[in-house]
Amino acid sequence: MVQKMKNYLYTSLIFILLLLIQGYSILSAQDLNLFRAAQAKRIAGQYEAAIIEYSKVIADSPNYAIAIAERGYCYSNLKLYDYALQDLNKAILKGFSDPLAYLNRGWAKYNLGAKGEACIDWQMAEQLGYQNAQKLLNEYCN
C-alpha cells in the first residue's frame, strides 16, 4: 500500500513537472473560468473582450503559455501584429509547440515585412502537423 502511494505521488509529480516545463501552469478556479470565458469570446470573434480576459489570466499566471498564445491569436485577428508577435514569441519560448502558434507567428512576421522568417515559422507549423502549411509555403515562400 505504501509503495503504491509512493508510485502515485512520484507519477503525479513527474506529470506536473512536465506540464510546467512545457509552459503550462496550474490555474486557480477563478483563472480557469476567466480563461474559458476568454476562449468563448475569441471563438465568437469578440477579440478585444477576449484580450481583456486573457490579460487577467496572464497577470495571475504569467507562465500559462496557452493563454499568452491565444491572446496573440486575438491580436493577430485585430491586425495588431506587433502585439501578436510579442505574445507568440513568449508562448513559444515558454515551450508552447502548437502548430497554430507558429502559423500565426508566421502571419504576424509576414505582415510586418519579415517574409523569410514567416516562411521558417510556416515550415515549423507543417513539421508540427499543420496540414495546410504547404499551401502557404507554395504561395508566399517560393
Protein backbone atom coordinates (compact mmCIF):
# COMPACT_ATOMS: atom_id res chain seq x y z
CA MET A 1 0.00 0.00 0.00
CA VAL A 2 2.76 2.45 0.93
CA GLN A 3 4.69 1.60 -2.24
CA LYS A 4 1.59 2.20 -4.40
CA MET A 5 1.12 5.60 -2.76
CA LYS A 6 4.77 6.49 -3.37
CA ASN A 7 4.45 5.45 -7.03
CA TYR A 8 1.29 7.51 -7.41
CA LEU A 9 2.89 10.59 -5.86
CA TYR A 10 6.02 10.16 -7.94
CA THR A 11 4.00 9.81 -11.16
CA SER A 12 1.87 12.85 -10.28
CA LEU A 13 4.94 14.93 -9.56
CA ILE A 14 6.52 13.99 -12.89
CA PHE A 15 3.28 14.90 -14.70
CA ILE A 16 3.12 18.32 -13.04
CA LEU A 17 6.80 18.99 -13.76
CA LEU A 18 6.30 18.09 -17.43
CA LEU A 19 3.36 20.47 -17.65
CA LEU A 20 5.39 23.26 -16.10
CA ILE A 21 8.37 22.60 -18.38
CA GLN A 22 6.08 22.83 -21.41
CA GLY A 23 4.84 26.24 -20.31
CA TYR A 24 1.64 25.18 -18.65
CA SER A 25 0.73 26.20 -15.18
CA ILE A 26 -2.00 25.19 -12.82
CA LEU A 27 -4.77 27.76 -12.79
CA SER A 28 -6.96 28.74 -9.89
CA ALA A 29 -10.67 28.09 -10.35
CA GLN A 30 -11.21 31.82 -10.95
CA ASP A 31 -8.49 31.97 -13.62
CA LEU A 32 -9.80 28.81 -15.25
CA ASN A 33 -13.22 30.44 -15.52
CA LEU A 34 -11.64 33.61 -16.96
CA PHE A 35 -9.67 31.51 -19.43
CA ARG A 36 -12.80 29.67 -20.59
CA ALA A 37 -14.66 32.99 -20.92
CA ALA A 38 -11.78 34.39 -22.96
CA GLN A 39 -11.84 31.36 -25.25
CA ALA A 40 -15.58 31.72 -25.78
CA LYS A 41 -15.15 35.39 -26.66
CA ARG A 42 -12.29 34.60 -29.04
CA ILE A 43 -14.33 31.92 -30.78
CA ALA A 44 -17.24 34.38 -31.07
CA GLY A 45 -14.93 36.93 -32.70
CA GLN A 46 -15.01 39.30 -29.71
CA TYR A 47 -11.25 39.75 -29.79
CA GLU A 48 -10.97 42.94 -27.71
CA ALA A 49 -13.05 41.42 -24.89
CA ALA A 50 -11.06 38.17 -25.11
CA ILE A 51 -7.78 40.09 -24.82
CA ILE A 52 -9.00 41.67 -21.58
CA GLU A 53 -9.87 38.26 -20.10
CA TYR A 54 -6.64 36.61 -21.28
CA SER A 55 -4.66 39.51 -19.81
CA LYS A 56 -6.23 38.91 -16.39
CA VAL A 57 -5.28 35.23 -16.55
CA ILE A 58 -1.74 36.07 -17.65
CA ALA A 59 -1.36 38.62 -14.85
CA ASP A 60 -2.10 35.88 -12.31
CA SER A 61 -0.32 33.05 -14.19
CA PRO A 62 2.44 34.56 -16.34
CA ASN A 63 3.74 31.11 -17.37
CA TYR A 64 0.41 29.95 -18.79
CA ALA A 65 1.62 29.78 -22.37
CA ILE A 66 -1.73 28.75 -23.83
CA ALA A 67 -3.35 31.99 -22.65
CA ILE A 68 -0.41 34.01 -24.00
CA ALA A 69 -0.65 32.29 -27.40
CA GLU A 70 -4.42 32.69 -27.61
CA ARG A 71 -4.14 36.38 -26.74
CA GLY A 72 -1.62 36.56 -29.58
CA TYR A 73 -4.19 35.00 -31.92
CA CYS A 74 -6.64 37.73 -30.91
CA TYR A 75 -4.10 40.47 -31.60
CA SER A 76 -3.39 38.92 -34.97
CA ASN A 77 -7.08 38.89 -35.86
CA LEU A 78 -7.20 42.59 -34.97
CA LYS A 79 -4.19 43.16 -37.25
CA LEU A 80 -2.11 44.26 -34.25
CA TYR A 81 0.84 42.27 -35.48
CA ASP A 82 3.47 43.77 -33.17
CA TYR A 83 1.49 42.66 -30.11
CA ALA A 84 0.68 39.31 -31.71
CA LEU A 85 4.36 38.70 -32.39
CA GLN A 86 5.32 39.58 -28.80
CA ASP A 87 2.79 37.16 -27.34
CA LEU A 88 3.51 34.34 -29.76
CA ASN A 89 7.25 34.70 -29.18
CA LYS A 90 6.66 34.48 -25.42
CA ALA A 91 4.42 31.44 -25.72
CA ILE A 92 6.86 29.60 -27.96
CA LEU A 93 9.81 30.49 -25.70
CA LYS A 94 7.86 29.01 -22.79
CA GLY A 95 7.69 25.73 -24.69
CA PHE A 96 4.28 26.02 -26.33
CA SER A 97 4.68 23.99 -29.52
CA ASP A 98 1.21 24.09 -31.06
CA PRO A 99 1.39 24.40 -34.86
CA LEU A 100 -1.12 27.28 -34.76
CA ALA A 101 1.32 29.32 -32.67
CA TYR A 102 3.89 29.02 -35.45
CA LEU A 103 1.28 29.59 -38.15
CA ASN A 104 0.04 32.79 -36.52
CA ARG A 105 3.51 33.99 -35.66
CA GLY A 106 4.38 33.46 -39.33
CA TRP A 107 1.44 35.63 -40.37
CA ALA A 108 2.47 38.34 -37.92
CA LYS A 109 6.02 38.29 -39.27
CA TYR A 110 4.80 38.29 -42.87
CA ASN A 111 2.55 41.29 -42.22
CA LEU A 112 5.43 43.09 -40.52
CA GLY A 113 7.60 42.58 -43.61
CA ALA A 114 9.71 39.62 -42.46
CA LYS A 115 8.80 37.19 -45.23
CA GLY A 116 11.80 34.90 -44.77
CA GLU A 117 11.13 34.49 -41.04
CA ALA A 118 7.45 33.87 -41.78
CA CYS A 119 8.39 31.03 -44.12
CA ILE A 120 10.53 29.44 -41.42
CA ASP A 121 7.59 29.53 -39.00
CA TRP A 122 5.24 28.05 -41.58
CA GLN A 123 7.74 25.25 -42.18
CA MET A 124 7.72 24.57 -38.44
CA ALA A 125 3.91 24.60 -38.41
CA GLU A 126 4.00 21.97 -41.15
CA GLN A 127 6.51 19.85 -39.22
CA LEU A 128 4.24 20.04 -36.17
CA GLY A 129 1.29 18.76 -38.18
CA TYR A 130 -0.49 21.76 -39.70
CA GLN A 131 -1.67 20.27 -42.97
CA ASN A 132 -2.34 23.49 -44.89
CA ALA A 133 1.11 24.95 -44.28
CA GLN A 134 2.39 23.66 -47.61
CA LYS A 135 -0.15 25.86 -49.42
CA LEU A 136 1.24 28.91 -47.62
CA LEU A 137 4.79 27.88 -48.37
CA ASN A 138 3.99 27.42 -52.07
CA GLU A 139 2.09 30.71 -52.33
CA TYR A 140 4.27 33.02 -50.27
CA CYS A 141 7.69 31.44 -49.99
CA ASN A 142 8.64 30.26 -53.48
